[in-house]
Amino acid sequence: MSDFSAGDYSRTRLLPLTAIVVAKCVALLMKRGLLIFSVVFSGCASVPVSTEGQQVDFTVQGKLLVFREQGKTALRFSWRQTKDAYQIDVWGSLGQGRIQLRGDATDMRVLRGREVIAAGEPRQVMRSQLGWDLPVAAIPNWLFGRPLPQHPITRGSDALVDGQTQFVQLGWSVLAQVRSDDMAVAEATSRTPEQLNLRRGDIQATLLVSKFTRKSQ
């Protein structure tokens, strides 16, 4: 008569089932571990949530200072922003050398009076006409201390601390100074720009705001 009992038979059936369950648990833990690992390392660059609905149409005037190895350029400026389109006028002391920049993120025209003196991709046009370039598509957000939507921040955040916010985006170091009746409110529509400092490579730029008008929606 066999010594193999009913209890032994039950255990032999349970062992494979236990192994299957354990294997599934290990696989789940590994999967979760890999997920946590990927989340931690994806934190090196964060993508800001869309600020759609926070678009601010405005007119801002002030002083623009551009520092390069070749020296400093000081200009007055007037910037009118309507949705994605800008109208920027820059001029030197006593109104000399006034030019107008018209366009959007992909196309820019430079006018002197009514004459179009250059047209094309904004960065190339600004370099050819001014000797330097600024991120004209991002500045309407950065002025309010808000990153450009759907582009990663490689350092810093859009958190407002003592009226300032700092981050790095599109290769530019951004420091924005804003005023708000309630600093806890994050929406750009509640902020008034005061100063914007930008730096990339050997170029630094400071926009000092002397007058700001928010357009009614």
N, C-alpha and C. Protein backbone atom coordinates (compact mmCIF):
# COMPACT_ATOMS: atom_id res chain seq x y z
N MET A 1 0.84 -1.20 0.00
CA MET A 1 0.00 0.00 0.00
C MET A 1 0.87 1.24 0.00
N SER A 2 0.54 2.20 -0.79
CA SER A 2 1.36 3.40 -0.93
C SER A 2 1.28 4.27 0.30
N ASP A 3 2.44 4.87 0.69
CA ASP A 3 2.49 5.81 1.81
C ASP A 3 2.02 7.20 1.41
N PHE A 4 1.70 7.41 0.17
CA PHE A 4 1.28 8.71 -0.36
C PHE A 4 -0.14 9.01 0.09
N SER A 5 -0.31 9.99 1.02
CA SER A 5 -1.60 10.28 1.61
C SER A 5 -2.34 11.37 0.84
N ALA A 6 -3.61 11.60 1.21
CA ALA A 6 -4.42 12.65 0.56
C ALA A 6 -3.84 14.02 0.83
N GLY A 7 -3.26 14.19 2.06
CA GLY A 7 -2.65 15.50 2.39
C GLY A 7 -1.47 15.79 1.52
N ASP A 8 -0.66 14.73 1.24
CA ASP A 8 0.49 14.92 0.37
C ASP A 8 0.04 15.32 -1.03
N TYR A 9 -1.03 14.69 -1.48
CA TYR A 9 -1.55 14.99 -2.82
C TYR A 9 -1.99 16.45 -2.91
N SER A 10 -2.66 16.91 -1.84
CA SER A 10 -3.13 18.31 -1.84
C SER A 10 -1.96 19.27 -1.90
N ARG A 11 -0.87 18.92 -1.14
CA ARG A 11 0.28 19.82 -1.13
C ARG A 11 0.95 19.88 -2.49
N THR A 12 1.00 18.75 -3.19
CA THR A 12 1.63 18.75 -4.51
C THR A 12 0.85 19.60 -5.49
N ARG A 13 -0.46 19.70 -5.28
CA ARG A 13 -1.27 20.55 -6.17
C ARG A 13 -1.12 22.01 -5.79
N LEU A 14 -0.95 22.27 -4.47
CA LEU A 14 -0.85 23.66 -4.02
C LEU A 14 0.49 24.27 -4.38
N LEU A 15 1.55 23.47 -4.38
CA LEU A 15 2.88 24.03 -4.63
C LEU A 15 2.97 24.73 -5.98
N PRO A 16 2.52 24.10 -7.08
CA PRO A 16 2.58 24.81 -8.37
C PRO A 16 1.74 26.07 -8.37
N LEU A 17 0.57 26.01 -7.73
CA LEU A 17 -0.28 27.20 -7.68
C LEU A 17 0.40 28.32 -6.90
N THR A 18 1.05 27.95 -5.78
CA THR A 18 1.77 28.95 -4.97
C THR A 18 2.89 29.58 -5.78
N ALA A 19 3.60 28.74 -6.53
CA ALA A 19 4.70 29.25 -7.35
C ALA A 19 4.20 30.25 -8.38
N ILE A 20 3.04 29.93 -8.96
CA ILE A 20 2.47 30.83 -9.96
C ILE A 20 2.11 32.17 -9.33
N VAL A 21 1.46 32.10 -8.14
CA VAL A 21 1.06 33.32 -7.45
C VAL A 21 2.27 34.16 -7.09
N VAL A 22 3.32 33.50 -6.54
CA VAL A 22 4.55 34.21 -6.16
C VAL A 22 5.18 34.86 -7.38
N ALA A 23 5.22 34.13 -8.49
CA ALA A 23 5.82 34.66 -9.71
C ALA A 23 5.08 35.90 -10.19
N LYS A 24 3.73 35.84 -10.09
CA LYS A 24 2.93 36.99 -10.50
C LYS A 24 3.20 38.19 -9.61
N CYS A 25 3.31 37.91 -8.28
CA CYS A 25 3.58 39.01 -7.34
C CYS A 25 4.94 39.64 -7.61
N VAL A 26 5.95 38.80 -7.86
CA VAL A 26 7.29 39.33 -8.17
C VAL A 26 7.25 40.17 -9.44
N ALA A 27 6.55 39.68 -10.45
CA ALA A 27 6.46 40.43 -11.70
C ALA A 27 5.79 41.77 -11.49
N LEU A 28 4.73 41.76 -10.64
CA LEU A 28 4.01 43.01 -10.37
C LEU A 28 4.90 44.00 -9.64
N LEU A 29 5.66 43.47 -8.64
CA LEU A 29 6.56 44.35 -7.89
C LEU A 29 7.65 44.92 -8.79
N MET A 30 8.19 44.07 -9.68
CA MET A 30 9.21 44.55 -10.62
C MET A 30 8.64 45.62 -11.53
N LYS A 31 7.41 45.39 -11.97
CA LYS A 31 6.77 46.36 -12.86
C LYS A 31 6.59 47.69 -12.15
N ARG A 32 6.11 47.60 -10.86
CA ARG A 32 5.92 48.82 -10.10
C ARG A 32 7.24 49.49 -9.80
N GLY A 33 8.26 48.67 -9.53
CA GLY A 33 9.59 49.23 -9.28
C GLY A 33 10.13 49.96 -10.48
N LEU A 34 9.95 49.36 -11.66
CA LEU A 34 10.39 50.02 -12.88
C LEU A 34 9.63 51.30 -13.12
N LEU A 35 8.32 51.29 -12.77
CA LEU A 35 7.51 52.47 -12.96
C LEU A 35 8.00 53.60 -12.05
N ILE A 36 8.27 53.24 -10.76
CA ILE A 36 8.78 54.25 -9.83
C ILE A 36 10.12 54.77 -10.31
N PHE A 37 10.98 53.88 -10.78
CA PHE A 37 12.30 54.28 -11.29
C PHE A 37 12.17 55.27 -12.43
N SER A 38 11.26 54.98 -13.36
CA SER A 38 11.10 55.88 -14.51
C SER A 38 10.54 57.21 -14.08
N VAL A 39 9.61 57.21 -13.10
CA VAL A 39 9.03 58.47 -12.64
C VAL A 39 10.09 59.33 -11.98
N VAL A 40 10.95 58.70 -11.12
CA VAL A 40 11.99 59.45 -10.43
C VAL A 40 12.94 60.11 -11.40
N PHE A 41 13.37 59.38 -12.41
CA PHE A 41 14.35 59.94 -13.33
C PHE A 41 13.73 60.86 -14.36
N SER A 42 12.44 60.69 -14.64
CA SER A 42 11.81 61.65 -15.54
C SER A 42 11.63 62.99 -14.85
N GLY A 43 11.79 63.03 -13.52
CA GLY A 43 11.68 64.28 -12.78
C GLY A 43 12.80 65.24 -13.06
N CYS A 44 13.85 64.80 -13.76
CA CYS A 44 14.95 65.70 -14.11
C CYS A 44 14.47 66.83 -15.00
N ALA A 45 13.42 66.60 -15.77
CA ALA A 45 12.85 67.65 -16.62
C ALA A 45 11.34 67.55 -16.54
N SER A 46 10.69 68.62 -16.13
CA SER A 46 9.25 68.60 -15.99
C SER A 46 8.60 69.42 -17.09
N VAL A 47 7.43 69.00 -17.50
CA VAL A 47 6.68 69.73 -18.52
C VAL A 47 5.56 70.49 -17.84
N PRO A 48 5.56 71.82 -17.96
CA PRO A 48 4.50 72.58 -17.30
C PRO A 48 3.14 72.27 -17.89
N VAL A 49 2.13 72.31 -17.03
CA VAL A 49 0.78 72.11 -17.54
C VAL A 49 0.42 73.26 -18.45
N SER A 50 -0.52 72.99 -19.34
CA SER A 50 -0.92 74.02 -20.29
C SER A 50 -1.50 75.23 -19.56
N THR A 51 -1.10 76.41 -20.03
CA THR A 51 -1.66 77.64 -19.47
C THR A 51 -2.70 78.22 -20.41
N GLU A 52 -3.26 77.36 -21.25
CA GLU A 52 -4.32 77.82 -22.13
C GLU A 52 -5.47 78.34 -21.29
N GLY A 53 -6.01 79.48 -21.65
CA GLY A 53 -7.03 80.11 -20.84
C GLY A 53 -6.45 81.18 -19.94
N GLN A 54 -5.09 81.20 -19.83
CA GLN A 54 -4.42 82.23 -19.06
C GLN A 54 -3.71 83.22 -19.99
N GLN A 55 -3.97 83.13 -21.27
CA GLN A 55 -3.37 84.03 -22.24
C GLN A 55 -3.71 85.47 -21.88
N VAL A 56 -2.67 86.29 -21.82
CA VAL A 56 -2.87 87.70 -21.50
C VAL A 56 -2.46 88.54 -22.70
N ASP A 57 -3.40 89.32 -23.21
CA ASP A 57 -3.09 90.31 -24.24
C ASP A 57 -2.73 91.60 -23.52
N PHE A 58 -1.64 92.23 -23.95
CA PHE A 58 -1.14 93.36 -23.19
C PHE A 58 -0.35 94.33 -24.06
N THR A 59 -0.10 95.48 -23.48
CA THR A 59 0.87 96.43 -24.01
C THR A 59 1.81 96.77 -22.88
N VAL A 60 3.10 96.65 -23.14
CA VAL A 60 4.10 96.94 -22.12
C VAL A 60 5.18 97.85 -22.72
N GLN A 61 5.62 98.79 -21.93
CA GLN A 61 6.67 99.72 -22.35
C GLN A 61 7.78 99.73 -21.30
N GLY A 62 8.98 100.04 -21.74
CA GLY A 62 10.06 100.09 -20.78
C GLY A 62 11.42 100.18 -21.45
N LYS A 63 12.40 99.66 -20.74
CA LYS A 63 13.79 99.72 -21.19
C LYS A 63 14.33 98.32 -21.38
N LEU A 64 15.08 98.14 -22.44
CA LEU A 64 15.70 96.85 -22.74
C LEU A 64 17.22 97.01 -22.70
N LEU A 65 17.87 96.21 -21.86
CA LEU A 65 19.33 96.21 -21.76
C LEU A 65 19.84 94.86 -22.22
N VAL A 66 20.76 94.88 -23.17
CA VAL A 66 21.34 93.65 -23.70
C VAL A 66 22.85 93.70 -23.48
N PHE A 67 23.37 92.68 -22.78
CA PHE A 67 24.79 92.61 -22.47
C PHE A 67 25.41 91.46 -23.24
N ARG A 68 26.50 91.77 -23.94
CA ARG A 68 27.26 90.76 -24.67
C ARG A 68 28.74 91.04 -24.48
N GLU A 69 29.59 90.15 -25.00
CA GLU A 69 31.02 90.38 -24.91
C GLU A 69 31.42 91.66 -25.64
N GLN A 70 30.66 92.00 -26.68
CA GLN A 70 30.98 93.19 -27.46
C GLN A 70 30.59 94.48 -26.74
N GLY A 71 29.80 94.36 -25.68
CA GLY A 71 29.40 95.56 -24.96
C GLY A 71 27.92 95.53 -24.60
N LYS A 72 27.41 96.70 -24.18
CA LYS A 72 26.02 96.80 -23.74
C LYS A 72 25.22 97.61 -24.74
N THR A 73 23.98 97.18 -24.96
CA THR A 73 23.03 97.91 -25.80
C THR A 73 21.85 98.32 -24.93
N ALA A 74 21.51 99.59 -24.95
CA ALA A 74 20.38 100.10 -24.19
C ALA A 74 19.35 100.67 -25.16
N LEU A 75 18.13 100.15 -25.08
CA LEU A 75 17.06 100.56 -25.98
C LEU A 75 15.78 100.81 -25.19
N ARG A 76 14.93 101.63 -25.73
CA ARG A 76 13.56 101.73 -25.27
C ARG A 76 12.71 100.78 -26.11
N PHE A 77 11.62 100.28 -25.52
CA PHE A 77 10.78 99.37 -26.30
C PHE A 77 9.32 99.55 -25.94
N SER A 78 8.48 99.19 -26.90
CA SER A 78 7.04 99.11 -26.70
C SER A 78 6.59 97.79 -27.32
N TRP A 79 5.90 96.98 -26.52
CA TRP A 79 5.53 95.62 -26.95
C TRP A 79 4.03 95.48 -26.82
N ARG A 80 3.38 95.19 -27.92
CA ARG A 80 1.94 94.92 -27.92
C ARG A 80 1.72 93.47 -28.31
N GLN A 81 1.06 92.72 -27.45
CA GLN A 81 0.82 91.30 -27.69
C GLN A 81 -0.67 91.04 -27.81
N THR A 82 -1.07 90.41 -28.92
CA THR A 82 -2.46 90.02 -29.14
C THR A 82 -2.48 88.55 -29.53
N LYS A 83 -2.88 87.69 -28.60
CA LYS A 83 -2.81 86.24 -28.78
C LYS A 83 -1.37 85.87 -29.11
N ASP A 84 -1.12 85.27 -30.28
CA ASP A 84 0.25 84.84 -30.60
C ASP A 84 1.03 85.88 -31.40
N ALA A 85 0.40 86.99 -31.73
CA ALA A 85 1.04 88.00 -32.58
C ALA A 85 1.61 89.14 -31.74
N TYR A 86 2.78 89.62 -32.13
CA TYR A 86 3.43 90.72 -31.42
C TYR A 86 3.71 91.88 -32.37
N GLN A 87 3.71 93.05 -31.77
CA GLN A 87 4.17 94.26 -32.45
C GLN A 87 5.15 94.93 -31.50
N ILE A 88 6.43 94.86 -31.82
CA ILE A 88 7.47 95.36 -30.95
C ILE A 88 8.21 96.50 -31.65
N ASP A 89 8.28 97.63 -30.99
CA ASP A 89 9.06 98.76 -31.48
C ASP A 89 10.26 98.95 -30.55
N VAL A 90 11.43 99.13 -31.12
CA VAL A 90 12.63 99.40 -30.34
C VAL A 90 13.34 100.62 -30.94
N TRP A 91 13.92 101.42 -30.05
CA TRP A 91 14.62 102.62 -30.52
C TRP A 91 15.68 103.04 -29.51
N GLY A 92 16.63 103.83 -29.98
CA GLY A 92 17.70 104.30 -29.13
C GLY A 92 17.34 105.61 -28.45
N SER A 93 18.36 106.27 -27.93
CA SER A 93 18.14 107.54 -27.24
C SER A 93 17.57 108.57 -28.21
N LEU A 94 16.69 109.40 -27.70
CA LEU A 94 16.05 110.46 -28.48
C LEU A 94 15.25 109.90 -29.66
N GLY A 95 14.84 108.63 -29.56
CA GLY A 95 14.02 108.04 -30.60
C GLY A 95 14.76 107.65 -31.86
N GLN A 96 16.07 107.64 -31.80
CA GLN A 96 16.86 107.35 -32.99
C GLN A 96 16.86 105.86 -33.32
N GLY A 97 16.94 105.58 -34.62
CA GLY A 97 17.05 104.20 -35.09
C GLY A 97 15.85 103.33 -34.82
N ARG A 98 14.68 103.90 -34.80
CA ARG A 98 13.48 103.14 -34.47
C ARG A 98 13.16 102.12 -35.56
N ILE A 99 12.92 100.89 -35.12
CA ILE A 99 12.48 99.84 -36.04
C ILE A 99 11.31 99.12 -35.41
N GLN A 100 10.52 98.46 -36.25
CA GLN A 100 9.34 97.72 -35.80
C GLN A 100 9.51 96.24 -36.13
N LEU A 101 9.23 95.41 -35.15
CA LEU A 101 9.25 93.95 -35.34
C LEU A 101 7.82 93.46 -35.29
N ARG A 102 7.38 92.79 -36.34
CA ARG A 102 6.01 92.32 -36.46
C ARG A 102 6.01 90.84 -36.80
N GLY A 103 5.17 90.06 -36.10
CA GLY A 103 5.12 88.65 -36.47
C GLY A 103 4.57 87.76 -35.38
N ASP A 104 5.02 86.49 -35.42
CA ASP A 104 4.60 85.48 -34.44
C ASP A 104 5.78 84.56 -34.19
N ALA A 105 5.52 83.35 -33.70
CA ALA A 105 6.61 82.45 -33.33
C ALA A 105 7.43 81.97 -34.52
N THR A 106 6.85 81.93 -35.70
CA THR A 106 7.52 81.35 -36.86
C THR A 106 7.97 82.36 -37.90
N ASP A 107 7.43 83.57 -37.85
CA ASP A 107 7.74 84.53 -38.91
C ASP A 107 7.84 85.94 -38.32
N MET A 108 8.83 86.69 -38.79
CA MET A 108 9.02 88.06 -38.34
C MET A 108 9.34 88.97 -39.52
N ARG A 109 8.73 90.15 -39.49
CA ARG A 109 9.07 91.20 -40.44
C ARG A 109 9.65 92.38 -39.67
N VAL A 110 10.70 92.96 -40.23
CA VAL A 110 11.31 94.13 -39.63
C VAL A 110 11.05 95.31 -40.55
N LEU A 111 10.48 96.36 -39.98
CA LEU A 111 10.15 97.54 -40.76
C LEU A 111 10.89 98.75 -40.22
N ARG A 112 11.23 99.63 -41.13
CA ARG A 112 11.71 100.97 -40.78
C ARG A 112 10.77 101.94 -41.48
N GLY A 113 9.88 102.52 -40.67
CA GLY A 113 8.79 103.28 -41.28
C GLY A 113 7.83 102.31 -41.94
N ARG A 114 7.59 102.50 -43.23
CA ARG A 114 6.72 101.58 -43.97
C ARG A 114 7.50 100.57 -44.80
N GLU A 115 8.81 100.67 -44.75
CA GLU A 115 9.65 99.79 -45.57
C GLU A 115 10.01 98.52 -44.81
N VAL A 116 9.73 97.37 -45.44
CA VAL A 116 10.13 96.08 -44.89
C VAL A 116 11.60 95.85 -45.24
N ILE A 117 12.45 95.80 -44.22
CA ILE A 117 13.88 95.67 -44.48
C ILE A 117 14.38 94.24 -44.27
N ALA A 118 13.57 93.39 -43.64
CA ALA A 118 13.96 91.99 -43.46
C ALA A 118 12.71 91.19 -43.11
N ALA A 119 12.76 89.89 -43.43
CA ALA A 119 11.65 88.99 -43.11
C ALA A 119 12.18 87.57 -43.05
N GLY A 120 11.56 86.77 -42.16
CA GLY A 120 11.97 85.38 -42.06
C GLY A 120 11.78 84.83 -40.66
N GLU A 121 12.56 83.79 -40.34
CA GLU A 121 12.50 83.18 -39.02
C GLU A 121 13.00 84.17 -37.97
N PRO A 122 12.28 84.35 -36.86
CA PRO A 122 12.59 85.42 -35.91
C PRO A 122 14.04 85.46 -35.43
N ARG A 123 14.58 84.33 -35.05
CA ARG A 123 15.94 84.34 -34.51
C ARG A 123 16.95 84.82 -35.54
N GLN A 124 16.83 84.32 -36.76
CA GLN A 124 17.76 84.72 -37.81
C GLN A 124 17.60 86.19 -38.16
N VAL A 125 16.34 86.65 -38.22
CA VAL A 125 16.09 88.04 -38.57
C VAL A 125 16.67 88.98 -37.51
N MET A 126 16.45 88.66 -36.23
CA MET A 126 16.98 89.52 -35.17
C MET A 126 18.50 89.54 -35.17
N ARG A 127 19.11 88.39 -35.39
CA ARG A 127 20.57 88.34 -35.44
C ARG A 127 21.12 89.19 -36.58
N SER A 128 20.46 89.13 -37.72
CA SER A 128 20.96 89.88 -38.87
C SER A 128 20.75 91.39 -38.72
N GLN A 129 19.67 91.79 -38.05
CA GLN A 129 19.34 93.20 -37.95
C GLN A 129 19.84 93.85 -36.65
N LEU A 130 19.90 93.07 -35.58
CA LEU A 130 20.27 93.63 -34.28
C LEU A 130 21.59 93.10 -33.74
N GLY A 131 22.03 91.97 -34.28
CA GLY A 131 23.26 91.38 -33.79
C GLY A 131 23.05 90.43 -32.62
N TRP A 132 21.82 90.26 -32.17
CA TRP A 132 21.46 89.36 -31.08
C TRP A 132 20.00 88.97 -31.25
N ASP A 133 19.57 87.99 -30.49
CA ASP A 133 18.17 87.55 -30.60
C ASP A 133 17.62 87.26 -29.22
N LEU A 134 16.31 87.38 -29.08
CA LEU A 134 15.59 87.05 -27.86
C LEU A 134 14.42 86.13 -28.22
N PRO A 135 13.97 85.30 -27.29
CA PRO A 135 12.88 84.35 -27.57
C PRO A 135 11.52 85.04 -27.56
N VAL A 136 11.18 85.69 -28.64
CA VAL A 136 9.98 86.53 -28.69
C VAL A 136 8.69 85.72 -28.48
N ALA A 137 8.70 84.43 -28.80
CA ALA A 137 7.50 83.61 -28.62
C ALA A 137 7.29 83.23 -27.16
N ALA A 138 8.37 83.21 -26.37
CA ALA A 138 8.28 82.79 -24.97
C ALA A 138 8.11 83.97 -24.01
N ILE A 139 8.63 85.12 -24.36
CA ILE A 139 8.62 86.26 -23.45
C ILE A 139 7.21 86.65 -22.98
N PRO A 140 6.17 86.58 -23.82
CA PRO A 140 4.83 86.92 -23.32
C PRO A 140 4.38 86.05 -22.14
N ASN A 141 4.90 84.84 -22.02
CA ASN A 141 4.63 84.01 -20.84
C ASN A 141 5.63 84.32 -19.73
N TRP A 142 6.89 84.41 -20.07
CA TRP A 142 7.94 84.61 -19.07
C TRP A 142 7.78 85.93 -18.32
N LEU A 143 7.26 86.94 -18.98
CA LEU A 143 7.05 88.23 -18.32
C LEU A 143 6.22 88.07 -17.05
N PHE A 144 5.30 87.12 -17.07
CA PHE A 144 4.40 86.90 -15.94
C PHE A 144 4.89 85.78 -15.03
N GLY A 145 6.12 85.33 -15.27
CA GLY A 145 6.67 84.25 -14.45
C GLY A 145 6.09 82.90 -14.77
N ARG A 146 5.58 82.73 -15.99
CA ARG A 146 4.98 81.47 -16.40
C ARG A 146 5.82 80.83 -17.51
N PRO A 147 6.18 79.54 -17.37
CA PRO A 147 6.90 78.86 -18.45
C PRO A 147 6.04 78.77 -19.70
N LEU A 148 6.70 78.61 -20.82
CA LEU A 148 6.00 78.40 -22.07
C LEU A 148 5.32 77.04 -22.02
N PRO A 149 4.01 76.96 -22.29
CA PRO A 149 3.29 75.68 -22.17
C PRO A 149 3.87 74.60 -23.08
N GLN A 150 3.83 73.38 -22.57
CA GLN A 150 4.20 72.17 -23.31
C GLN A 150 5.68 72.10 -23.68
N HIS A 151 6.51 72.92 -23.05
CA HIS A 151 7.96 72.83 -23.22
C HIS A 151 8.57 72.53 -21.84
N PRO A 152 9.53 71.61 -21.78
CA PRO A 152 10.04 71.20 -20.47
C PRO A 152 10.84 72.30 -19.77
N ILE A 153 10.71 72.30 -18.44
CA ILE A 153 11.58 73.11 -17.59
C ILE A 153 12.72 72.20 -17.16
N THR A 154 13.95 72.59 -17.45
CA THR A 154 15.08 71.74 -17.11
C THR A 154 15.62 72.02 -15.72
N ARG A 155 15.22 73.15 -15.14
CA ARG A 155 15.61 73.44 -13.75
C ARG A 155 14.68 74.51 -13.20
N GLY A 156 14.42 74.47 -11.90
CA GLY A 156 13.56 75.47 -11.28
C GLY A 156 12.10 75.09 -11.44
N SER A 157 11.21 76.07 -11.18
CA SER A 157 9.77 75.84 -11.29
C SER A 157 9.08 77.18 -11.47
N ASP A 158 7.75 77.10 -11.68
CA ASP A 158 6.99 78.33 -11.85
C ASP A 158 6.41 78.83 -10.53
N ALA A 159 6.90 78.26 -9.42
CA ALA A 159 6.42 78.70 -8.11
C ALA A 159 6.84 80.15 -7.86
N LEU A 160 5.93 80.93 -7.33
CA LEU A 160 6.19 82.35 -7.07
C LEU A 160 6.61 82.51 -5.61
N VAL A 161 7.81 83.04 -5.39
CA VAL A 161 8.35 83.26 -4.05
C VAL A 161 8.77 84.71 -3.92
N ASP A 162 8.13 85.44 -3.02
CA ASP A 162 8.45 86.86 -2.81
C ASP A 162 8.37 87.64 -4.12
N GLY A 163 7.40 87.31 -4.94
CA GLY A 163 7.20 88.04 -6.18
C GLY A 163 8.15 87.65 -7.30
N GLN A 164 8.96 86.59 -7.10
CA GLN A 164 9.91 86.16 -8.12
C GLN A 164 9.70 84.69 -8.45
N THR A 165 10.02 84.35 -9.68
CA THR A 165 10.04 82.95 -10.09
C THR A 165 11.25 82.73 -10.99
N GLN A 166 11.88 81.54 -10.85
CA GLN A 166 13.09 81.23 -11.61
C GLN A 166 12.97 79.83 -12.21
N PHE A 167 13.42 79.71 -13.44
CA PHE A 167 13.47 78.40 -14.08
C PHE A 167 14.35 78.50 -15.32
N VAL A 168 14.68 77.35 -15.87
CA VAL A 168 15.44 77.27 -17.11
C VAL A 168 14.57 76.59 -18.14
N GLN A 169 14.40 77.23 -19.29
CA GLN A 169 13.57 76.69 -20.37
C GLN A 169 14.12 77.13 -21.71
N LEU A 170 14.09 76.23 -22.67
CA LEU A 170 14.60 76.51 -24.03
C LEU A 170 16.04 76.99 -24.00
N GLY A 171 16.80 76.56 -22.99
CA GLY A 171 18.20 76.95 -22.89
C GLY A 171 18.41 78.31 -22.25
N TRP A 172 17.34 78.99 -21.86
CA TRP A 172 17.43 80.31 -21.23
C TRP A 172 17.20 80.21 -19.73
N SER A 173 18.04 80.88 -18.97
CA SER A 173 17.79 81.07 -17.54
C SER A 173 16.85 82.26 -17.39
N VAL A 174 15.75 82.04 -16.69
CA VAL A 174 14.69 83.04 -16.60
C VAL A 174 14.48 83.44 -15.13
N LEU A 175 14.50 84.74 -14.88
CA LEU A 175 14.16 85.27 -13.56
C LEU A 175 13.14 86.39 -13.77
N ALA A 176 11.93 86.16 -13.31
CA ALA A 176 10.85 87.12 -13.51
C ALA A 176 10.45 87.74 -12.18
N GLN A 177 10.28 89.05 -12.19
CA GLN A 177 9.78 89.78 -11.03
C GLN A 177 8.40 90.31 -11.38
N VAL A 178 7.41 89.94 -10.57
CA VAL A 178 6.04 90.36 -10.85
C VAL A 178 5.41 90.94 -9.58
N ARG A 179 4.32 91.63 -9.78
CA ARG A 179 3.55 92.15 -8.66
C ARG A 179 2.15 91.57 -8.74
N SER A 180 1.61 91.23 -7.58
CA SER A 180 0.27 90.67 -7.54
C SER A 180 -0.38 91.03 -6.21
N ASP A 181 -1.67 91.30 -6.24
CA ASP A 181 -2.38 91.58 -5.00
C ASP A 181 -2.43 90.35 -4.11
N ASP A 182 -2.36 89.17 -4.73
CA ASP A 182 -2.37 87.93 -3.98
C ASP A 182 -1.29 87.02 -4.56
N MET A 183 -0.14 86.95 -3.89
CA MET A 183 0.99 86.18 -4.40
C MET A 183 0.70 84.68 -4.43
N ALA A 184 -0.33 84.25 -3.73
CA ALA A 184 -0.67 82.82 -3.72
C ALA A 184 -1.41 82.40 -4.98
N VAL A 185 -1.90 83.38 -5.72
CA VAL A 185 -2.63 83.09 -6.96
C VAL A 185 -1.64 82.86 -8.09
N ALA A 186 -1.77 81.73 -8.79
CA ALA A 186 -0.78 81.36 -9.80
C ALA A 186 -1.09 81.91 -11.18
N GLU A 187 -2.35 82.27 -11.45
CA GLU A 187 -2.74 82.64 -12.80
C GLU A 187 -2.00 83.90 -13.26
N ALA A 188 -1.54 83.85 -14.51
CA ALA A 188 -0.84 85.00 -15.08
C ALA A 188 -1.75 86.21 -15.17
N THR A 189 -3.06 85.98 -15.26
CA THR A 189 -4.00 87.08 -15.39
C THR A 189 -4.08 87.93 -14.12
N SER A 190 -3.51 87.44 -13.02
CA SER A 190 -3.55 88.20 -11.77
C SER A 190 -2.23 88.93 -11.50
N ARG A 191 -1.27 88.81 -12.41
CA ARG A 191 0.06 89.35 -12.17
C ARG A 191 0.36 90.56 -13.06
N THR A 192 1.21 91.41 -12.53
CA THR A 192 1.69 92.56 -13.29
C THR A 192 3.20 92.45 -13.42
N PRO A 193 3.74 92.38 -14.63
CA PRO A 193 5.19 92.22 -14.78
C PRO A 193 5.94 93.49 -14.40
N GLU A 194 7.10 93.30 -13.78
CA GLU A 194 7.95 94.43 -13.40
C GLU A 194 9.33 94.34 -14.04
N GLN A 195 9.90 93.14 -14.05
CA GLN A 195 11.25 92.98 -14.61
C GLN A 195 11.45 91.54 -15.04
N LEU A 196 12.17 91.38 -16.14
CA LEU A 196 12.49 90.05 -16.65
C LEU A 196 13.98 90.00 -16.98
N ASN A 197 14.68 89.04 -16.37
CA ASN A 197 16.11 88.84 -16.64
C ASN A 197 16.30 87.51 -17.36
N LEU A 198 17.01 87.55 -18.46
CA LEU A 198 17.26 86.37 -19.28
C LEU A 198 18.75 86.19 -19.50
N ARG A 199 19.15 84.93 -19.57
CA ARG A 199 20.56 84.65 -19.85
C ARG A 199 20.69 83.33 -20.59
N ARG A 200 21.50 83.36 -21.64
CA ARG A 200 21.85 82.14 -22.37
C ARG A 200 23.22 82.35 -22.98
N GLY A 201 24.16 81.47 -22.63
CA GLY A 201 25.51 81.62 -23.15
C GLY A 201 26.11 82.95 -22.72
N ASP A 202 26.60 83.69 -23.71
CA ASP A 202 27.27 84.96 -23.40
C ASP A 202 26.34 86.17 -23.53
N ILE A 203 25.04 85.92 -23.67
CA ILE A 203 24.09 87.02 -23.81
C ILE A 203 23.20 87.12 -22.57
N GLN A 204 23.04 88.33 -22.08
CA GLN A 204 22.13 88.61 -20.98
C GLN A 204 21.21 89.75 -21.41
N ALA A 205 19.98 89.67 -21.00
CA ALA A 205 19.02 90.71 -21.34
C ALA A 205 18.14 91.01 -20.14
N THR A 206 17.84 92.28 -19.96
CA THR A 206 16.95 92.71 -18.89
C THR A 206 15.87 93.60 -19.48
N LEU A 207 14.61 93.24 -19.22
CA LEU A 207 13.48 94.07 -19.62
C LEU A 207 12.92 94.74 -18.36
N LEU A 208 13.03 96.05 -18.30
CA LEU A 208 12.52 96.82 -17.17
C LEU A 208 11.20 97.45 -17.60
N VAL A 209 10.13 97.07 -16.93
CA VAL A 209 8.79 97.53 -17.31
C VAL A 209 8.47 98.83 -16.60
N SER A 210 8.14 99.85 -17.39
CA SER A 210 7.74 101.14 -16.81
C SER A 210 6.23 101.35 -16.91
N LYS A 211 5.59 100.71 -17.89
CA LYS A 211 4.15 100.86 -18.05
C LYS A 211 3.57 99.56 -18.58
N PHE A 212 2.48 99.12 -17.95
CA PHE A 212 1.85 97.87 -18.37
C PHE A 212 0.34 98.08 -18.44
N THR A 213 -0.24 97.63 -19.54
CA THR A 213 -1.68 97.71 -19.71
C THR A 213 -2.20 96.34 -20.14
N ARG A 214 -3.10 95.81 -19.35
CA ARG A 214 -3.72 94.54 -19.70
C ARG A 214 -4.96 94.82 -20.54
N LYS A 215 -5.05 94.17 -21.69
CA LYS A 215 -6.20 94.39 -22.56
C LYS A 215 -7.41 93.65 -22.01
N SER A 216 -8.55 94.26 -22.12
CA SER A 216 -9.78 93.60 -21.70
C SER A 216 -10.12 92.49 -22.67
N GLN A 217 -10.59 91.36 -22.13
CA GLN A 217 -10.89 90.18 -22.96
C GLN A 217 -12.31 90.28 -23.53
